[in-house]
């Protein structure tokens, strides 16, 4: 149940309509409240008399009608600009980044304020009456004029916000921050326990997938609690973000216990699209896609790919000396659940493999990739992790030898490889080498 609740919360928080709908409801309620205050004679006495609208019902209708018509017109323009920005982002930086633009609170707030002001004006306008029972909602008109000023300020903010958000450097920085947050959560989970993974597969029973698609949510706490109560251990073969085929074996249980199929069904949520916030590699794939788009023949923008490599290297260097989780989940001291953990080698492959494969004819990108890995090697002391970096450098050198035709470009790549080997072989002997933060600058 918790997995489904988390999935619903994630869907609502990422929906474009949620914040605008909330603002529309709030401003509609504000309009009804201002009218009610005046009808019961409870106008605030601290307002200066010159600030409250003092005209007749004709003027009130005109002002409220002008506010309503102008705000709905501007809201339509805002919607058109947003669609144009989404189209640009999709073609230049990849469709997976559309999620970031849709979730952007600035765009949602702007549309919500404009639509909310439109609804506010209609709510107040319907209370204007003429004749013997004439009623002019002076306070409502005054607040409406204030909201129209807020709409003008919001429109100015929106133009600046969209212009900055479609800048590729801004997009790269925002996705980089998401990757840093995801890696920080991984490291925090690694610190929670040091239990080793000693799952016995020889006497384990196979559990088939309750559904197919991308694993979006996983309630590890509920699974661990259930396994501890039944004195069994569960090993999950997929992690959040993986695609599960129909009928695939998703888990092993040792010893076998009845009821695990139903428990696993309640603890998992599958979707047709890849996961978002819960997937530690989702933001990583977004950033890699920006680099791949930049290296495509239609765009041919190696500087953007280099900027992506700088951020990826910074993320990798931030993990130096910090452990990654081994996937063991404890419940009251019992190692009840073993999830498929993200290894350092898989992380390096996800960061650099596809970029390296697409950069065979881009010497600046290949050289920068090796320089970034050398900078990471200077701050990383774990030999297993250094070996992962060496494999990437070897593959980059092989790509360069196949794709680079100019001997000077190949010489630059080979020189960068030699610098990497020096840093990776004796990292403690190079205290004067620039760290990644300075190299990336």
Protein backbone atom coordinates (compact mmCIF):
# COMPACT_ATOMS: atom_id res chain seq x y z
CA UNK A 1 0.00 0.00 0.00
CA UNK A 2 2.83 2.42 0.83
CA UNK A 3 4.32 1.90 -2.65
CA UNK A 4 1.04 2.90 -4.28
CA UNK A 5 0.67 5.94 -2.04
CA UNK A 6 4.22 7.04 -2.88
CA UNK A 7 3.50 6.50 -6.57
CA UNK A 8 0.35 8.65 -6.33
CA UNK A 9 2.19 11.41 -4.47
CA UNK A 10 4.98 11.36 -7.04
CA UNK A 11 2.46 11.54 -9.88
CA UNK A 12 0.58 14.47 -8.34
CA UNK A 13 3.75 16.37 -7.43
CA UNK A 14 4.99 15.97 -10.99
CA UNK A 15 1.70 16.86 -12.66
CA UNK A 16 1.52 20.24 -14.38
CA UNK A 17 -2.07 20.85 -13.29
CA UNK A 18 -1.73 20.35 -9.51
CA UNK A 19 -0.35 23.75 -8.45
CA UNK A 20 -2.44 25.80 -10.95
CA UNK A 21 -5.58 23.97 -9.80
CA UNK A 22 -4.77 24.69 -6.16
CA UNK A 23 -4.21 28.40 -6.91
CA UNK A 24 -7.48 28.59 -8.87
CA UNK A 25 -9.42 27.10 -5.97
CA UNK A 26 -7.67 29.36 -3.46
CA UNK A 27 -8.33 32.57 -5.39
CA UNK A 28 -11.93 31.56 -6.08
CA UNK A 29 -12.37 31.09 -2.33
CA UNK A 30 -10.71 34.47 -1.76
CA UNK A 31 -13.23 36.12 -4.08
CA UNK A 32 -16.17 34.56 -2.25
CA UNK A 33 -14.63 35.56 1.09
CA UNK A 34 -14.18 39.23 0.16
CA UNK A 35 -17.78 39.42 -1.03
CA UNK A 36 -18.99 37.73 2.15
CA UNK A 37 -17.03 40.16 4.34
CA UNK A 38 -18.73 43.13 2.73
CA UNK A 39 -22.16 41.54 2.80
CA UNK A 40 -21.95 40.99 6.57
CA UNK A 41 -20.45 44.45 7.14
CA UNK A 42 -17.11 43.20 8.39
CA UNK A 43 -14.84 45.27 6.16
CA UNK A 44 -11.39 45.80 7.67
CA UNK A 45 -11.27 49.26 9.26
CA UNK A 46 -7.50 49.55 8.98
CA UNK A 47 -7.59 50.01 5.19
CA UNK A 48 -7.17 53.67 4.11
CA UNK A 49 -10.40 54.92 2.56
CA UNK A 50 -8.61 55.99 -0.62
CA UNK A 51 -7.39 52.45 -1.23
CA UNK A 52 -10.85 50.89 -1.44
CA UNK A 53 -12.77 51.13 -4.71
CA UNK A 54 -15.42 53.82 -4.39
CA UNK A 55 -17.15 53.76 -7.79
CA UNK A 56 -20.53 52.47 -8.83
CA UNK A 57 -21.70 49.15 -10.15
CA UNK A 58 -21.00 50.08 -13.79
CA UNK A 59 -17.38 50.84 -13.02
CA UNK A 60 -17.06 47.66 -10.96
CA UNK A 61 -18.40 45.57 -13.84
CA UNK A 62 -16.01 47.22 -16.26
CA UNK A 63 -12.95 46.76 -14.06
CA UNK A 64 -13.71 43.14 -13.20
CA UNK A 65 -14.57 42.33 -16.81
CA UNK A 66 -11.29 43.89 -18.00
CA UNK A 67 -9.33 41.90 -15.41
CA UNK A 68 -11.04 38.65 -16.40
CA UNK A 69 -10.64 39.11 -20.16
CA UNK A 70 -7.01 40.26 -19.97
CA UNK A 71 -5.84 37.52 -17.60
CA UNK A 72 -7.42 34.69 -19.61
CA UNK A 73 -5.86 36.12 -22.79
CA UNK A 74 -2.41 36.32 -21.20
CA UNK A 75 -2.88 32.81 -19.78
CA UNK A 76 -3.43 31.54 -23.32
CA UNK A 77 -0.22 33.25 -24.42
CA UNK A 78 1.64 31.74 -21.46
CA UNK A 79 0.39 28.30 -22.44
CA UNK A 80 1.60 28.82 -26.02
CA UNK A 81 5.03 29.95 -24.81
CA UNK A 82 5.25 26.93 -22.53
CA UNK A 83 4.43 24.55 -25.39
CA UNK A 84 7.06 26.25 -27.57
CA UNK A 85 9.65 25.89 -24.79
CA UNK A 86 8.77 22.21 -24.37
CA UNK A 87 9.14 21.66 -28.11
CA UNK A 88 12.53 23.35 -28.12
CA UNK A 89 13.71 21.35 -25.12
CA UNK A 90 12.53 18.09 -26.67
CA UNK A 91 14.33 18.69 -29.98
CA UNK A 92 17.54 20.17 -28.62
CA UNK A 93 18.08 18.35 -25.31
CA UNK A 94 15.90 15.24 -25.44
CA UNK A 95 12.30 14.31 -24.60
CA UNK A 96 13.20 12.96 -21.16
CA UNK A 97 13.91 16.51 -20.02
CA UNK A 98 10.27 17.43 -20.64
CA UNK A 99 9.54 16.04 -17.19
CA UNK A 100 11.72 18.76 -15.66
CA UNK A 101 9.95 21.54 -17.57
CA UNK A 102 6.52 20.16 -16.69
CA UNK A 103 7.48 19.90 -13.00
CA UNK A 104 8.89 23.44 -12.98
CA UNK A 105 7.15 25.38 -10.21
CA UNK A 106 7.74 28.74 -11.88
CA UNK A 107 5.72 27.78 -14.95
CA UNK A 108 2.99 26.24 -12.81
CA UNK A 109 2.80 29.26 -10.50
CA UNK A 110 2.53 31.72 -13.38
CA UNK A 111 -0.31 29.86 -15.05
CA UNK A 112 -2.03 29.33 -11.69
CA UNK A 113 -1.94 33.03 -10.76
CA UNK A 114 -3.35 34.11 -14.13
CA UNK A 115 -6.14 31.52 -14.19
CA UNK A 116 -6.85 32.08 -10.50
CA UNK A 117 -7.21 35.83 -11.04
CA UNK A 118 -9.59 35.14 -13.93
CA UNK A 119 -11.77 32.93 -11.75
CA UNK A 120 -11.54 35.44 -8.88
CA UNK A 121 -12.83 38.21 -11.14
CA UNK A 122 -15.76 36.06 -12.27
CA UNK A 123 -16.68 35.14 -8.69
CA UNK A 124 -16.70 38.77 -7.59
CA UNK A 125 -18.39 39.96 -10.81
CA UNK A 126 -21.40 37.69 -10.26
CA UNK A 127 -22.14 39.49 -6.97
CA UNK A 128 -22.47 42.95 -8.57
CA UNK A 129 -26.10 44.03 -8.57
CA UNK A 130 -27.90 47.17 -9.72
CA UNK A 131 -31.34 48.56 -9.03
CA UNK A 132 -33.04 48.74 -5.66
CA UNK A 133 -30.79 46.07 -4.09
CA UNK A 134 -27.62 47.48 -5.63
CA UNK A 135 -24.45 45.87 -4.34
CA UNK A 136 -20.90 46.92 -5.29
CA UNK A 137 -18.19 44.60 -3.91
CA UNK A 138 -15.74 47.41 -3.17
CA UNK A 139 -13.29 45.20 -1.29
CA UNK A 140 -13.47 42.51 -3.99
CA UNK A 141 -12.74 45.04 -6.75
CA UNK A 142 -9.84 46.47 -4.74
CA UNK A 143 -8.30 43.05 -4.20
CA UNK A 144 -8.86 42.30 -7.89
CA UNK A 145 -6.87 45.38 -8.84
CA UNK A 146 -4.09 44.18 -6.54
CA UNK A 147 -4.16 40.74 -8.16
CA UNK A 148 -3.91 42.33 -11.60
CA UNK A 149 -0.70 44.04 -10.47
CA UNK A 150 0.56 40.67 -9.24
CA UNK A 151 -0.25 39.20 -12.67
CA UNK A 152 1.85 41.88 -14.39
CA UNK A 153 4.79 41.14 -12.10
CA UNK A 154 4.32 37.40 -12.63
CA UNK A 155 4.32 37.86 -16.40
CA UNK A 156 7.65 39.71 -16.22
CA UNK A 157 9.04 36.97 -14.02
CA UNK A 158 7.80 34.28 -16.42
CA UNK A 159 9.55 35.80 -19.44
CA UNK A 160 12.84 35.90 -17.50
CA UNK A 161 12.28 32.42 -16.08
CA UNK A 162 11.59 30.73 -19.40
CA UNK A 163 14.50 32.51 -21.11
CA UNK A 164 16.86 31.22 -18.43
CA UNK A 165 15.40 27.71 -18.16
CA UNK A 166 15.80 26.89 -21.86
CA UNK A 167 19.50 27.78 -21.64
CA UNK A 168 21.41 24.52 -21.95
CA UNK A 169 23.89 25.42 -19.20
CA UNK A 170 21.03 26.07 -16.79
CA UNK A 171 19.39 22.76 -17.70
CA UNK A 172 22.67 20.90 -17.20
CA UNK A 173 23.17 22.51 -13.78
CA UNK A 174 19.64 21.63 -12.65
CA UNK A 175 19.98 17.99 -13.69
CA UNK A 176 23.43 17.89 -12.08
CA UNK A 177 21.85 18.99 -8.80
CA UNK A 178 19.32 16.14 -9.10
CA UNK A 179 22.17 13.65 -9.62
CA UNK A 180 24.02 14.99 -6.57
CA UNK A 181 20.87 14.60 -4.46
CA UNK A 182 20.37 11.02 -5.68
CA UNK A 183 24.00 10.11 -4.95
CA UNK A 184 23.75 11.71 -1.51
CA UNK A 185 20.74 9.52 -0.71
CA UNK A 186 22.66 6.46 -1.88
CA UNK A 187 25.60 7.28 0.39
CA UNK A 188 23.30 7.91 3.34
CA UNK A 189 21.74 4.48 2.89
CA UNK A 190 25.21 2.93 2.76
CA UNK A 191 25.99 4.41 6.17
CA UNK A 192 22.86 2.94 7.75
CA UNK A 193 24.26 -0.60 8.03
CA UNK A 194 27.38 -2.53 7.26
CA UNK A 195 25.74 -5.93 6.92
CA UNK A 196 27.37 -8.17 4.32
CA UNK A 197 25.41 -9.83 1.52
CA UNK A 198 25.55 -13.57 2.23
CA UNK A 199 22.27 -14.65 0.62
CA UNK A 200 22.09 -18.42 0.08
CA UNK A 201 20.72 -19.00 -3.45
CA UNK A 202 21.03 -22.80 -3.29
CA UNK A 203 17.78 -23.31 -1.38
CA UNK A 204 15.85 -20.29 -2.61
CA UNK A 205 12.45 -20.33 -4.30
CA UNK A 206 11.79 -18.19 -7.39
CA UNK A 207 9.08 -15.52 -7.36
CA UNK A 208 7.68 -14.41 -10.71
CA UNK A 209 6.89 -10.81 -11.56
CA UNK A 210 3.39 -9.74 -10.43
CA UNK A 211 3.26 -7.40 -13.44
CA UNK A 212 5.42 -6.14 -16.29
CA UNK A 213 6.84 -2.74 -17.16
CA UNK A 214 9.22 -0.38 -15.41
CA UNK A 215 9.57 -0.88 -11.68
CA UNK A 216 8.51 2.54 -10.39
CA UNK A 217 8.06 2.11 -6.64
CA UNK A 218 9.31 -0.47 -4.15
CA UNK A 219 8.31 -0.56 -0.49
CA UNK A 220 11.50 -2.07 0.94
CA UNK A 221 10.44 -1.43 4.53
CA UNK A 222 7.23 -3.48 4.16
CA UNK A 223 9.06 -6.30 2.40
CA UNK A 224 11.79 -6.39 5.06
CA UNK A 225 9.23 -6.38 7.87
CA UNK A 226 7.25 -9.24 6.28
CA UNK A 227 10.42 -11.28 5.70
CA UNK A 228 11.58 -10.75 9.27
CA UNK A 229 8.22 -11.85 10.66
CA UNK A 230 8.36 -15.05 8.60
CA UNK A 231 12.08 -15.61 9.29
CA UNK A 232 12.99 -15.71 5.64
CA UNK A 233 15.25 -13.65 3.41
CA UNK A 234 14.26 -12.09 0.09
CA UNK A 235 16.63 -11.18 -2.71
CA UNK A 236 15.28 -8.80 -5.38
CA UNK A 237 16.81 -9.22 -8.83
CA UNK A 238 15.62 -5.85 -10.18
CA UNK A 239 15.93 -2.32 -8.86
CA UNK A 240 13.79 0.74 -9.35
CA UNK A 241 13.99 1.92 -12.96
CA UNK A 242 14.59 -1.55 -14.45
CA UNK A 243 12.22 -2.95 -17.05
CA UNK A 244 10.66 -6.27 -16.03
CA UNK A 245 9.51 -8.71 -18.70
CA UNK A 246 6.27 -10.71 -18.28
CA UNK A 247 6.90 -13.89 -16.31
CA UNK A 248 10.40 -12.87 -15.28
CA UNK A 249 11.87 -14.03 -11.96
CA UNK A 250 12.00 -10.86 -9.86
CA UNK A 251 12.87 -12.27 -6.44
CA UNK A 252 14.26 -15.25 -4.57
CA UNK A 253 13.19 -16.36 -1.09
CA UNK A 254 15.22 -18.58 1.24
CA UNK A 255 13.68 -20.48 2.85
CA UNK A 256 10.48 -20.46 0.75
CA UNK A 257 7.40 -19.00 2.49
CA UNK A 258 3.78 -18.94 1.34
CA UNK A 259 2.24 -15.54 0.70
CA UNK A 260 5.31 -13.82 -0.72
CA UNK A 261 3.70 -13.38 -4.15
CA UNK A 262 0.86 -11.29 -2.70
CA UNK A 263 3.23 -9.34 -0.45
CA UNK A 264 5.47 -8.53 -3.40
CA UNK A 265 2.47 -7.41 -5.45
CA UNK A 266 1.41 -4.96 -2.74
CA UNK A 267 4.96 -3.64 -2.29
CA UNK A 268 5.66 -2.87 -5.96
CA UNK A 269 4.27 -0.49 -8.57
CA UNK A 270 4.96 -0.90 -12.28
CA UNK A 271 4.45 1.71 -14.98
CA UNK A 272 4.82 2.06 -18.73
CA UNK A 273 7.46 4.76 -18.40
CA UNK A 274 10.80 4.83 -16.61
CA UNK A 275 10.79 5.90 -12.97
CA UNK A 276 11.61 9.42 -11.85
CA UNK A 277 12.42 10.58 -8.34
CA UNK A 278 12.86 7.07 -6.91
CA UNK A 279 15.33 5.93 -9.60
CA UNK A 280 18.90 6.95 -8.70
CA UNK A 281 20.01 6.79 -12.35
CA UNK A 282 17.06 8.61 -13.92
CA UNK A 283 18.61 12.08 -13.71
CA UNK A 284 21.91 10.57 -14.84
CA UNK A 285 20.31 9.28 -18.04
CA UNK A 286 18.79 12.72 -18.62
CA UNK A 287 22.20 14.39 -18.47
CA UNK A 288 23.78 11.76 -20.70
CA UNK A 289 21.02 12.30 -23.24
CA UNK A 290 21.88 16.02 -23.41
CA UNK A 291 25.45 15.06 -24.36
CA UNK A 292 24.27 12.49 -26.91
CA UNK A 293 22.00 15.05 -28.55
CA UNK A 294 24.86 17.53 -28.65
CA UNK A 295 27.10 14.98 -30.37
CA UNK A 296 24.52 14.05 -32.99
CA UNK A 297 25.34 15.12 -36.59
CA UNK A 298 22.28 17.36 -36.72
CA UNK A 299 23.41 19.48 -33.75
CA UNK A 300 27.20 18.92 -33.55
CA UNK A 301 27.80 20.85 -30.32
CA UNK A 302 30.85 19.33 -28.59
CA UNK A 303 31.03 22.18 -26.06
CA UNK A 304 27.73 21.07 -24.55
CA UNK A 305 29.02 17.50 -24.34
CA UNK A 306 32.14 18.77 -22.58
CA UNK A 307 29.97 20.69 -20.10
CA UNK A 308 28.05 17.48 -19.36
CA UNK A 309 31.32 15.58 -18.81
CA UNK A 310 32.46 18.23 -16.33
CA UNK A 311 29.31 17.76 -14.23
CA UNK A 312 29.48 13.99 -14.44
CA UNK A 313 33.09 14.06 -13.30
CA UNK A 314 32.20 16.32 -10.40
CA UNK A 315 29.49 13.87 -9.31
CA UNK A 316 31.90 10.95 -9.53
CA UNK A 317 34.63 12.79 -7.62
CA UNK A 318 32.16 13.57 -4.84
CA UNK A 319 31.92 9.81 -4.20
CA UNK A 320 35.64 9.44 -3.51
CA UNK A 321 36.09 7.67 -0.19
CA UNK A 322 32.35 7.30 0.31
CA UNK A 323 30.76 3.83 0.20
CA UNK A 324 27.80 2.81 -1.90
CA UNK A 325 25.04 0.66 -0.37
CA UNK A 326 25.34 -3.09 -0.76
CA UNK A 327 21.57 -3.54 -0.91
CA UNK A 328 21.10 -5.30 2.45
CA UNK A 329 18.03 -4.05 4.36
CA UNK A 330 17.83 -4.86 8.07
CA UNK A 331 14.67 -5.18 10.14
CA UNK A 332 15.36 -5.29 13.87
CA UNK A 333 18.82 -6.68 13.17
CA UNK A 334 17.59 -9.39 10.79
CA UNK A 335 19.02 -9.13 7.21
CA UNK A 336 15.58 -9.62 5.74
CA UNK A 337 15.95 -8.12 2.28
CA UNK A 338 18.73 -7.90 -0.31
CA UNK A 339 18.05 -5.47 -3.15
CA UNK A 340 19.99 -5.12 -6.36
CA UNK A 341 22.49 -2.42 -5.45
CA UNK A 342 24.05 0.07 -7.83
CA UNK A 343 27.77 -0.64 -8.09
CA UNK A 344 30.51 1.86 -8.82
CA UNK A 345 31.34 0.12 -12.09
CA UNK A 346 27.71 0.34 -13.23
CA UNK A 347 27.64 4.01 -12.28
CA UNK A 348 30.77 4.76 -14.32
CA UNK A 349 29.38 2.82 -17.28
CA UNK A 350 26.08 4.71 -17.11
CA UNK A 351 27.91 8.03 -17.01
CA UNK A 352 30.46 7.63 -19.77
CA UNK A 353 29.84 4.61 -21.98
CA UNK A 354 27.27 6.04 -24.39
CA UNK A 355 29.02 9.41 -24.55
CA UNK A 356 32.31 7.68 -25.33
CA UNK A 357 30.69 5.59 -28.05
CA UNK A 358 29.21 8.70 -29.69
CA UNK A 359 32.41 10.76 -29.43
CA UNK A 360 34.64 8.64 -31.65
CA UNK A 361 34.98 11.48 -34.16
CA UNK A 362 35.03 14.33 -31.61
CA UNK A 363 38.61 14.64 -30.33
CA UNK A 364 37.82 17.45 -27.88
CA UNK A 365 35.18 15.31 -26.16
CA UNK A 366 37.38 12.19 -25.97
CA UNK A 367 40.33 14.15 -24.59
CA UNK A 368 38.13 15.89 -22.04
CA UNK A 369 36.61 12.56 -21.00
CA UNK A 370 40.06 11.14 -20.23
CA UNK A 371 41.05 14.37 -18.42
CA UNK A 372 37.93 14.13 -16.25
CA UNK A 373 38.68 10.52 -15.38
CA UNK A 374 42.26 11.50 -14.51
CA UNK A 375 40.96 14.23 -12.21
CA UNK A 376 38.65 11.70 -10.53
CA UNK A 377 41.57 9.25 -10.17
CA UNK A 378 43.52 11.89 -8.27
CA UNK A 379 40.95 12.00 -5.48
CA UNK A 380 39.92 8.33 -5.55
CA UNK A 381 42.01 5.83 -3.58
CA UNK A 382 40.01 2.61 -3.94
CA UNK A 383 41.83 0.24 -6.31
CA UNK A 384 38.61 -1.41 -7.51
CA UNK A 385 37.16 1.95 -8.49
CA UNK A 386 40.41 2.98 -10.19
CA UNK A 387 40.20 -0.20 -12.25
CA UNK A 388 36.73 0.85 -13.42
CA UNK A 389 38.16 4.20 -14.51
CA UNK A 390 41.03 2.46 -16.32
CA UNK A 391 38.59 0.40 -18.36
CA UNK A 392 36.83 3.56 -19.49
CA UNK A 393 40.12 5.17 -20.48
CA UNK A 394 41.21 2.08 -22.41
CA UNK A 395 37.90 2.08 -24.27
CA UNK A 396 38.21 5.83 -25.00
CA UNK A 397 41.70 5.30 -26.42
CA UNK A 398 40.42 2.49 -28.61
CA UNK A 399 37.55 4.69 -29.84
CA UNK A 400 40.04 7.43 -30.64
CA UNK A 401 42.33 5.15 -32.58
CA UNK A 402 39.39 3.99 -34.68
CA UNK A 403 37.69 7.35 -35.18
CA UNK A 404 40.36 10.06 -35.13
CA UNK A 405 42.08 10.72 -38.46
CA UNK A 406 44.33 13.63 -37.50
CA UNK A 407 47.56 12.50 -35.90
CA UNK A 408 47.72 15.59 -33.68
CA UNK A 409 44.31 14.79 -32.18
CA UNK A 410 45.38 11.21 -31.47
CA UNK A 411 48.60 12.47 -29.88
CA UNK A 412 46.60 14.74 -27.57
CA UNK A 413 44.42 11.79 -26.56
CA UNK A 414 47.42 9.58 -25.89
CA UNK A 415 49.03 12.32 -23.77
CA UNK A 416 45.82 12.59 -21.72
CA UNK A 417 45.87 8.81 -21.27
CA UNK A 418 49.45 8.92 -19.98
CA UNK A 419 48.46 11.60 -17.46
CA UNK A 420 45.58 9.41 -16.32
CA UNK A 421 47.83 6.38 -15.87
CA UNK A 422 50.21 8.44 -13.77
CA UNK A 423 47.38 9.70 -11.56
CA UNK A 424 45.76 6.27 -11.24
CA UNK A 425 48.99 4.41 -10.54
CA UNK A 426 50.39 6.76 -7.92
CA UNK A 427 47.66 9.19 -6.88
CA UNK A 428 49.40 10.09 -3.65
CA UNK A 429 52.47 11.28 -5.57
CA UNK A 430 50.66 14.12 -7.31
CA UNK A 431 49.48 16.60 -4.67
CA UNK A 432 50.23 19.52 -6.99
CA UNK A 433 47.87 18.35 -9.74
CA UNK A 434 44.61 20.41 -10.03
CA UNK A 435 41.57 18.73 -8.56
CA UNK A 436 38.38 18.26 -10.52
CA UNK A 437 36.81 21.49 -9.33
CA UNK A 438 39.66 23.49 -10.82
CA UNK A 439 39.94 21.34 -13.93
CA UNK A 440 36.24 21.66 -14.59
CA UNK A 441 36.41 25.42 -14.29
